[in-house]
Amino acid sequence: IHTAGEAGPLDERTARLIKLAIAMGALREGAVRANVRKALAAGISKAEIMQMVALAAGTVGMPASVALFDWITATLDKQD
């Protein structure tokens, strides 16, 4: 299962954004943090990652958005 998504038409950048979005929607803290790090390694900017939090807010609600914001900003701060 771990490698099942590696082959296919999606480029790495798109796949990383999707995986981060799934982790965010599922509110899986460890997966969110790991996918933020992997997204940065794939060349996705901090601004793009933070836009994902804003986009998720309407779907996941305010309490979840606050949690996502905290997890993601803490992870981004550690990458500096």
PDB file of N, CA and C in Angstrom:
ATOM      1  N   ILE A   1       0.837  -1.197   0.000  1.00  0.00           N
ATOM      2  CA  ILE A   1       0.000   0.000   0.000  1.00  0.00           C
ATOM      3  C   ILE A   1       0.874   1.250   0.000  1.00  0.00           C
ATOM      4  N   HIS A   2       1.981   1.201   0.712  1.00  0.00           N
ATOM      5  CA  HIS A   2       2.847   2.372   0.836  1.00  0.00           C
ATOM      6  C   HIS A   2       3.310   2.891  -0.523  1.00  0.00           C
ATOM      7  N   THR A   3       3.602   1.995  -1.449  1.00  0.00           N
ATOM      8  CA  THR A   3       4.110   2.410  -2.758  1.00  0.00           C
ATOM      9  C   THR A   3       3.046   2.400  -3.852  1.00  0.00           C
ATOM     10  N   ALA A   4       1.820   2.070  -3.507  1.00  0.00           N
ATOM     11  CA  ALA A   4       0.765   1.926  -4.518  1.00  0.00           C
ATOM     12  C   ALA A   4       0.515   3.204  -5.304  1.00  0.00           C
ATOM     13  N   GLY A   5       0.670   4.354  -4.698  1.00  0.00           N
ATOM     14  CA  GLY A   5       0.383   5.604  -5.386  1.00  0.00           C
ATOM     15  C   GLY A   5       1.556   6.202  -6.132  1.00  0.00           C
ATOM     16  N   GLU A   6       2.712   5.537  -6.103  1.00  0.00           N
ATOM     17  CA  GLU A   6       3.892   6.118  -6.736  1.00  0.00           C
ATOM     18  C   GLU A   6       3.807   6.159  -8.255  1.00  0.00           C
ATOM     19  N   ALA A   7       3.221   5.152  -8.858  1.00  0.00           N
ATOM     20  CA  ALA A   7       3.109   5.124 -10.316  1.00  0.00           C
ATOM     21  C   ALA A   7       1.779   5.741 -10.729  1.00  0.00           C
ATOM     22  N   GLY A   8       1.817   6.601 -11.719  1.00  0.00           N
ATOM     23  CA  GLY A   8       0.580   7.213 -12.192  1.00  0.00           C
ATOM     24  C   GLY A   8       0.847   8.561 -12.813  1.00  0.00           C
ATOM     25  N   PRO A   9      -0.194   9.212 -13.291  1.00  0.00           N
ATOM     26  CA  PRO A   9      -0.024  10.460 -14.027  1.00  0.00           C
ATOM     27  C   PRO A   9       0.234  11.695 -13.157  1.00  0.00           C
ATOM     28  N   LEU A  10       0.029  11.605 -11.845  1.00  0.00           N
ATOM     29  CA  LEU A  10       0.240  12.780 -10.998  1.00  0.00           C
ATOM     30  C   LEU A  10       1.727  12.994 -10.747  1.00  0.00           C
ATOM     31  N   ASP A  11       2.164  14.248 -10.848  1.00  0.00           N
ATOM     32  CA  ASP A  11       3.552  14.538 -10.499  1.00  0.00           C
ATOM     33  C   ASP A  11       3.690  14.557  -8.979  1.00  0.00           C
ATOM     34  N   GLU A  12       4.934  14.563  -8.501  1.00  0.00           N
ATOM     35  CA  GLU A  12       5.174  14.488  -7.056  1.00  0.00           C
ATOM     36  C   GLU A  12       4.543  15.658  -6.315  1.00  0.00           C
ATOM     37  N   ARG A  13       4.631  16.843  -6.884  1.00  0.00           N
ATOM     38  CA  ARG A  13       4.081  18.043  -6.236  1.00  0.00           C
ATOM     39  C   ARG A  13       2.582  17.901  -6.009  1.00  0.00           C
ATOM     40  N   THR A  14       1.867  17.497  -7.028  1.00  0.00           N
ATOM     41  CA  THR A  14       0.420  17.318  -6.920  1.00  0.00           C
ATOM     42  C   THR A  14       0.088  16.224  -5.919  1.00  0.00           C
ATOM     43  N   ALA A  15       0.809  15.126  -5.977  1.00  0.00           N
ATOM     44  CA  ALA A  15       0.574  14.023  -5.043  1.00  0.00           C
ATOM     45  C   ALA A  15       0.814  14.466  -3.605  1.00  0.00           C
ATOM     46  N   ARG A  16       1.848  15.267  -3.373  1.00  0.00           N
ATOM     47  CA  ARG A  16       2.136  15.753  -2.013  1.00  0.00           C
ATOM     48  C   ARG A  16       1.014  16.662  -1.509  1.00  0.00           C
ATOM     49  N   LEU A  17       0.498  17.527  -2.365  1.00  0.00           N
ATOM     50  CA  LEU A  17      -0.610  18.401  -1.963  1.00  0.00           C
ATOM     51  C   LEU A  17      -1.852  17.582  -1.620  1.00  0.00           C
ATOM     52  N   ILE A  18      -2.127  16.570  -2.409  1.00  0.00           N
ATOM     53  CA  ILE A  18      -3.289  15.717  -2.151  1.00  0.00           C
ATOM     54  C   ILE A  18      -3.116  14.966  -0.841  1.00  0.00           C
ATOM     55  N   LYS A  19      -1.928  14.400  -0.626  1.00  0.00           N
ATOM     56  CA  LYS A  19      -1.703  13.639   0.606  1.00  0.00           C
ATOM     57  C   LYS A  19      -1.814  14.536   1.839  1.00  0.00           C
ATOM     58  N   LEU A  20      -1.305  15.762   1.738  1.00  0.00           N
ATOM     59  CA  LEU A  20      -1.441  16.701   2.846  1.00  0.00           C
ATOM     60  C   LEU A  20      -2.909  17.042   3.073  1.00  0.00           C
ATOM     61  N   ALA A  21      -3.652  17.278   2.011  1.00  0.00           N
ATOM     62  CA  ALA A  21      -5.077  17.597   2.143  1.00  0.00           C
ATOM     63  C   ALA A  21      -5.848  16.452   2.799  1.00  0.00           C
ATOM     64  N   ILE A  22      -5.521  15.228   2.433  1.00  0.00           N
ATOM     65  CA  ILE A  22      -6.196  14.073   3.041  1.00  0.00           C
ATOM     66  C   ILE A  22      -5.878  14.008   4.528  1.00  0.00           C
ATOM     67  N   ALA A  23      -4.619  14.190   4.885  1.00  0.00           N
ATOM     68  CA  ALA A  23      -4.225  14.167   6.296  1.00  0.00           C
ATOM     69  C   ALA A  23      -4.928  15.274   7.075  1.00  0.00           C
ATOM     70  N   MET A  24      -5.045  16.446   6.455  1.00  0.00           N
ATOM     71  CA  MET A  24      -5.725  17.563   7.107  1.00  0.00           C
ATOM     72  C   MET A  24      -7.201  17.248   7.318  1.00  0.00           C
ATOM     73  N   GLY A  25      -7.848  16.733   6.306  1.00  0.00           N
ATOM     74  CA  GLY A  25      -9.272  16.413   6.410  1.00  0.00           C
ATOM     75  C   GLY A  25      -9.555  15.334   7.432  1.00  0.00           C
ATOM     76  N   ALA A  26      -8.607  14.413   7.588  1.00  0.00           N
ATOM     77  CA  ALA A  26      -8.770  13.327   8.558  1.00  0.00           C
ATOM     78  C   ALA A  26      -8.334  13.750   9.962  1.00  0.00           C
ATOM     79  N   LEU A  27      -7.759  14.947  10.074  1.00  0.00           N
ATOM     80  CA  LEU A  27      -7.274  15.477  11.357  1.00  0.00           C
ATOM     81  C   LEU A  27      -6.288  14.523  12.032  1.00  0.00           C
ATOM     82  N   ARG A  28      -5.359  14.010  11.242  1.00  0.00           N
ATOM     83  CA  ARG A  28      -4.320  13.102  11.736  1.00  0.00           C
ATOM     84  C   ARG A  28      -3.049  13.922  11.955  1.00  0.00           C
ATOM     85  N   GLU A  29      -2.813  14.317  13.200  1.00  0.00           N
ATOM     86  CA  GLU A  29      -1.712  15.234  13.498  1.00  0.00           C
ATOM     87  C   GLU A  29      -0.365  14.741  12.968  1.00  0.00           C
ATOM     88  N   GLY A  30      -0.024  13.505  13.246  1.00  0.00           N
ATOM     89  CA  GLY A  30       1.261  12.981  12.791  1.00  0.00           C
ATOM     90  C   GLY A  30       1.388  12.992  11.284  1.00  0.00           C
ATOM     91  N   ALA A  31       0.318  12.632  10.602  1.00  0.00           N
ATOM     92  CA  ALA A  31       0.328  12.621   9.140  1.00  0.00           C
ATOM     93  C   ALA A  31       0.400  14.040   8.585  1.00  0.00           C
ATOM     94  N   VAL A  32      -0.278  14.985   9.229  1.00  0.00           N
ATOM     95  CA  VAL A  32      -0.208  16.380   8.790  1.00  0.00           C
ATOM     96  C   VAL A  32       1.229  16.876   8.898  1.00  0.00           C
ATOM     97  N   ARG A  33       1.839  16.661  10.051  1.00  0.00           N
ATOM     98  CA  ARG A  33       3.213  17.133  10.260  1.00  0.00           C
ATOM     99  C   ARG A  33       4.183  16.484   9.263  1.00  0.00           C
ATOM    100  N   ALA A  34       4.061  15.177   9.081  1.00  0.00           N
ATOM    101  CA  ALA A  34       4.948  14.467   8.151  1.00  0.00           C
ATOM    102  C   ALA A  34       4.752  14.955   6.723  1.00  0.00           C
ATOM    103  N   ASN A  35       3.500  15.169   6.337  1.00  0.00           N
ATOM    104  CA  ASN A  35       3.233  15.604   4.970  1.00  0.00           C
ATOM    105  C   ASN A  35       3.616  17.056   4.732  1.00  0.00           C
ATOM    106  N   VAL A  36       3.617  17.875   5.763  1.00  0.00           N
ATOM    107  CA  VAL A  36       4.143  19.240   5.625  1.00  0.00           C
ATOM    108  C   VAL A  36       5.636  19.164   5.305  1.00  0.00           C
ATOM    109  N   ARG A  37       6.373  18.354   6.049  1.00  0.00           N
ATOM    110  CA  ARG A  37       7.811  18.213   5.795  1.00  0.00           C
ATOM    111  C   ARG A  37       8.074  17.679   4.384  1.00  0.00           C
ATOM    112  N   LYS A  38       7.305  16.685   3.980  1.00  0.00           N
ATOM    113  CA  LYS A  38       7.480  16.109   2.643  1.00  0.00           C
ATOM    114  C   LYS A  38       7.092  17.105   1.553  1.00  0.00           C
ATOM    115  N   ALA A  39       6.074  17.915   1.814  1.00  0.00           N
ATOM    116  CA  ALA A  39       5.665  18.938   0.847  1.00  0.00           C
ATOM    117  C   ALA A  39       6.775  19.969   0.659  1.00  0.00           C
ATOM    118  N   LEU A  40       7.371  20.405   1.755  1.00  0.00           N
ATOM    119  CA  LEU A  40       8.481  21.355   1.657  1.00  0.00           C
ATOM    120  C   LEU A  40       9.633  20.756   0.855  1.00  0.00           C
ATOM    121  N   ALA A  41       9.935  19.495   1.110  1.00  0.00           N
ATOM    122  CA  ALA A  41      11.015  18.813   0.389  1.00  0.00           C
ATOM    123  C   ALA A  41      10.709  18.697  -1.101  1.00  0.00           C
ATOM    124  N   ALA A  42       9.430  18.673  -1.447  1.00  0.00           N
ATOM    125  CA  ALA A  42       9.015  18.581  -2.853  1.00  0.00           C
ATOM    126  C   ALA A  42       8.943  19.953  -3.521  1.00  0.00           C
ATOM    127  N   GLY A  43       9.303  21.015  -2.781  1.00  0.00           N
ATOM    128  CA  GLY A  43       9.328  22.350  -3.364  1.00  0.00           C
ATOM    129  C   GLY A  43       8.066  23.162  -3.181  1.00  0.00           C
ATOM    130  N   ILE A  44       7.157  22.685  -2.364  1.00  0.00           N
ATOM    131  CA  ILE A  44       5.922  23.429  -2.091  1.00  0.00           C
ATOM    132  C   ILE A  44       6.244  24.505  -1.059  1.00  0.00           C
ATOM    133  N   SER A  45       5.800  25.719  -1.308  1.00  0.00           N
ATOM    134  CA  SER A  45       6.153  26.840  -0.439  1.00  0.00           C
ATOM    135  C   SER A  45       5.315  26.857   0.835  1.00  0.00           C
ATOM    136  N   LYS A  46       5.845  27.559   1.819  1.00  0.00           N
ATOM    137  CA  LYS A  46       5.105  27.744   3.075  1.00  0.00           C
ATOM    138  C   LYS A  46       3.783  28.466   2.811  1.00  0.00           C
ATOM    139  N   ALA A  47       3.805  29.443   1.912  1.00  0.00           N
ATOM    140  CA  ALA A  47       2.581  30.181   1.588  1.00  0.00           C
ATOM    141  C   ALA A  47       1.526  29.258   0.991  1.00  0.00           C
ATOM    142  N   GLU A  48       1.942  28.339   0.139  1.00  0.00           N
ATOM    143  CA  GLU A  48       0.992  27.393  -0.454  1.00  0.00           C
ATOM    144  C   GLU A  48       0.409  26.470   0.611  1.00  0.00           C
ATOM    145  N   ILE A  49       1.246  26.030   1.530  1.00  0.00           N
ATOM    146  CA  ILE A  49       0.767  25.163   2.612  1.00  0.00           C
ATOM    147  C   ILE A  49      -0.221  25.919   3.492  1.00  0.00           C
ATOM    148  N   MET A  50       0.082  27.169   3.814  1.00  0.00           N
ATOM    149  CA  MET A  50      -0.824  27.949   4.654  1.00  0.00           C
ATOM    150  C   MET A  50      -2.138  28.244   3.935  1.00  0.00           C
ATOM    151  N   GLN A  51      -2.103  28.381   2.612  1.00  0.00           N
ATOM    152  CA  GLN A  51      -3.349  28.576   1.874  1.00  0.00           C
ATOM    153  C   GLN A  51      -4.240  27.348   2.018  1.00  0.00           C
ATOM    154  N   MET A  52      -3.634  26.183   2.130  1.00  0.00           N
ATOM    155  CA  MET A  52      -4.416  24.959   2.309  1.00  0.00           C
ATOM    156  C   MET A  52      -5.212  25.004   3.611  1.00  0.00           C
ATOM    157  N   VAL A  53      -4.623  25.586   4.657  1.00  0.00           N
ATOM    158  CA  VAL A  53      -5.354  25.725   5.924  1.00  0.00           C
ATOM    159  C   VAL A  53      -6.587  26.592   5.701  1.00  0.00           C
ATOM    160  N   ALA A  54      -6.425  27.698   5.000  1.00  0.00           N
ATOM    161  CA  ALA A  54      -7.556  28.589   4.724  1.00  0.00           C
ATOM    162  C   ALA A  54      -8.615  27.885   3.887  1.00  0.00           C
ATOM    163  N   LEU A  55      -8.184  27.114   2.900  1.00  0.00           N
ATOM    164  CA  LEU A  55      -9.136  26.396   2.051  1.00  0.00           C
ATOM    165  C   LEU A  55      -9.884  25.314   2.827  1.00  0.00           C
ATOM    166  N   ALA A  56      -9.212  24.704   3.785  1.00  0.00           N
ATOM    167  CA  ALA A  56      -9.829  23.627   4.568  1.00  0.00           C
ATOM    168  C   ALA A  56     -10.832  24.149   5.588  1.00  0.00           C
ATOM    169  N   ALA A  57     -10.702  25.399   5.991  1.00  0.00           N
ATOM    170  CA  ALA A  57     -11.507  25.933   7.092  1.00  0.00           C
ATOM    171  C   ALA A  57     -13.002  25.757   6.884  1.00  0.00           C
ATOM    172  N   GLY A  58     -13.483  26.010   5.701  1.00  0.00           N
ATOM    173  CA  GLY A  58     -14.916  25.895   5.444  1.00  0.00           C
ATOM    174  C   GLY A  58     -15.432  24.473   5.524  1.00  0.00           C
ATOM    175  N   THR A  59     -14.555  23.519   5.294  1.00  0.00           N
ATOM    176  CA  THR A  59     -14.952  22.114   5.320  1.00  0.00           C
ATOM    177  C   THR A  59     -14.797  21.499   6.700  1.00  0.00           C
ATOM    178  N   VAL A  60     -13.663  21.764   7.353  1.00  0.00           N
ATOM    179  CA  VAL A  60     -13.390  21.100   8.638  1.00  0.00           C
ATOM    180  C   VAL A  60     -13.905  21.881   9.840  1.00  0.00           C
ATOM    181  N   GLY A  61     -14.221  23.168   9.668  1.00  0.00           N
ATOM    182  CA  GLY A  61     -14.750  23.974  10.760  1.00  0.00           C
ATOM    183  C   GLY A  61     -13.655  24.694  11.533  1.00  0.00           C
ATOM    184  N   MET A  62     -14.067  25.617  12.378  1.00  0.00           N
ATOM    185  CA  MET A  62     -13.123  26.475  13.081  1.00  0.00           C
ATOM    186  C   MET A  62     -12.240  25.731  14.085  1.00  0.00           C
ATOM    187  N   PRO A  63     -12.779  24.900  14.981  1.00  0.00           N
ATOM    188  CA  PRO A  63     -11.885  24.222  15.934  1.00  0.00           C
ATOM    189  C   PRO A  63     -10.818  23.378  15.235  1.00  0.00           C
ATOM    190  N   ALA A  64     -11.204  22.663  14.208  1.00  0.00           N
ATOM    191  CA  ALA A  64     -10.240  21.841  13.471  1.00  0.00           C
ATOM    192  C   ALA A  64      -9.242  22.726  12.732  1.00  0.00           C
ATOM    193  N   SER A  65      -9.700  23.841  12.197  1.00  0.00           N
ATOM    194  CA  SER A  65      -8.800  24.759  11.493  1.00  0.00           C
ATOM    195  C   SER A  65      -7.745  25.327  12.431  1.00  0.00           C
ATOM    196  N   VAL A  66      -8.148  25.632  13.652  1.00  0.00           N
ATOM    197  CA  VAL A  66      -7.191  26.128  14.646  1.00  0.00           C
ATOM    198  C   VAL A  66      -6.148  25.053  14.946  1.00  0.00           C
ATOM    199  N   ALA A  67      -6.588  23.815  15.109  1.00  0.00           N
ATOM    200  CA  ALA A  67      -5.648  22.716  15.353  1.00  0.00           C
ATOM    201  C   ALA A  67      -4.698  22.556  14.170  1.00  0.00           C
ATOM    202  N   LEU A  68      -5.240  22.565  12.956  1.00  0.00           N
ATOM    203  CA  LEU A  68      -4.397  22.445  11.766  1.00  0.00           C
ATOM    204  C   LEU A  68      -3.385  23.580  11.696  1.00  0.00           C
ATOM    205  N   PHE A  69      -3.839  24.794  11.963  1.00  0.00           N
ATOM    206  CA  PHE A  69      -2.953  25.952  11.949  1.00  0.00           C
ATOM    207  C   PHE A  69      -1.818  25.761  12.943  1.00  0.00           C
ATOM    208  N   ASP A  70      -2.143  25.317  14.150  1.00  0.00           N
ATOM    209  CA  ASP A  70      -1.122  25.104  15.177  1.00  0.00           C
ATOM    210  C   ASP A  70      -0.117  24.035  14.758  1.00  0.00           C
ATOM    211  N   TRP A  71      -0.614  22.891  14.282  1.00  0.00           N
ATOM    212  CA  TRP A  71       0.283  21.802  13.877  1.00  0.00           C
ATOM    213  C   TRP A  71       1.190  22.232  12.739  1.00  0.00           C
ATOM    214  N   ILE A  72       0.601  22.904  11.761  1.00  0.00           N
ATOM    215  CA  ILE A  72       1.360  23.264  10.566  1.00  0.00           C
ATOM    216  C   ILE A  72       2.360  24.372  10.856  1.00  0.00           C
ATOM    217  N   THR A  73       1.956  25.407  11.575  1.00  0.00           N
ATOM    218  CA  THR A  73       2.906  26.485  11.860  1.00  0.00           C
ATOM    219  C   THR A  73       4.042  25.987  12.746  1.00  0.00           C
ATOM    220  N   ALA A  74       3.753  25.120  13.698  1.00  0.00           N
ATOM    221  CA  ALA A  74       4.816  24.554  14.540  1.00  0.00           C
ATOM    222  C   ALA A  74       5.798  23.746  13.697  1.00  0.00           C
ATOM    223  N   THR A  75       5.282  22.989  12.752  1.00  0.00           N
ATOM    224  CA  THR A  75       6.142  22.188  11.876  1.00  0.00           C
ATOM    225  C   THR A  75       6.958  23.083  10.957  1.00  0.00           C
ATOM    226  N   LEU A  76       6.332  24.110  10.404  1.00  0.00           N
ATOM    227  CA  LEU A  76       7.053  25.040   9.531  1.00  0.00           C
ATOM    228  C   LEU A  76       8.139  25.780  10.305  1.00  0.00           C
ATOM    229  N   ASP A  77       7.841  26.183  11.534  1.00  0.00           N
ATOM    230  CA  ASP A  77       8.823  26.902  12.349  1.00  0.00           C
ATOM    231  C   ASP A  77      10.058  26.043  12.617  1.00  0.00           C
ATOM    232  N   LYS A  78       9.864  24.744  12.772  1.00  0.00           N
ATOM    233  CA  LYS A  78      10.996  23.839  13.024  1.00  0.00           C
ATOM    234  C   LYS A  78      11.864  23.648  11.789  1.00  0.00           C
ATOM    235  N   GLN A  79      11.327  23.961  10.615  1.00  0.00           N
ATOM    236  CA  GLN A  79      12.067  23.771   9.367  1.00  0.00           C
ATOM    237  C   GLN A  79      12.977  24.955   9.049  1.00  0.00           C
ATOM    238  N   ASP A  80      12.840  26.035   9.782  1.00  0.00           N
ATOM    239  CA  ASP A  80      13.682  27.227   9.528  1.00  0.00           C
ATOM    240  C   ASP A  80      15.066  27.067  10.101  1.00  0.00           C
TER     241      ASP A  80
END
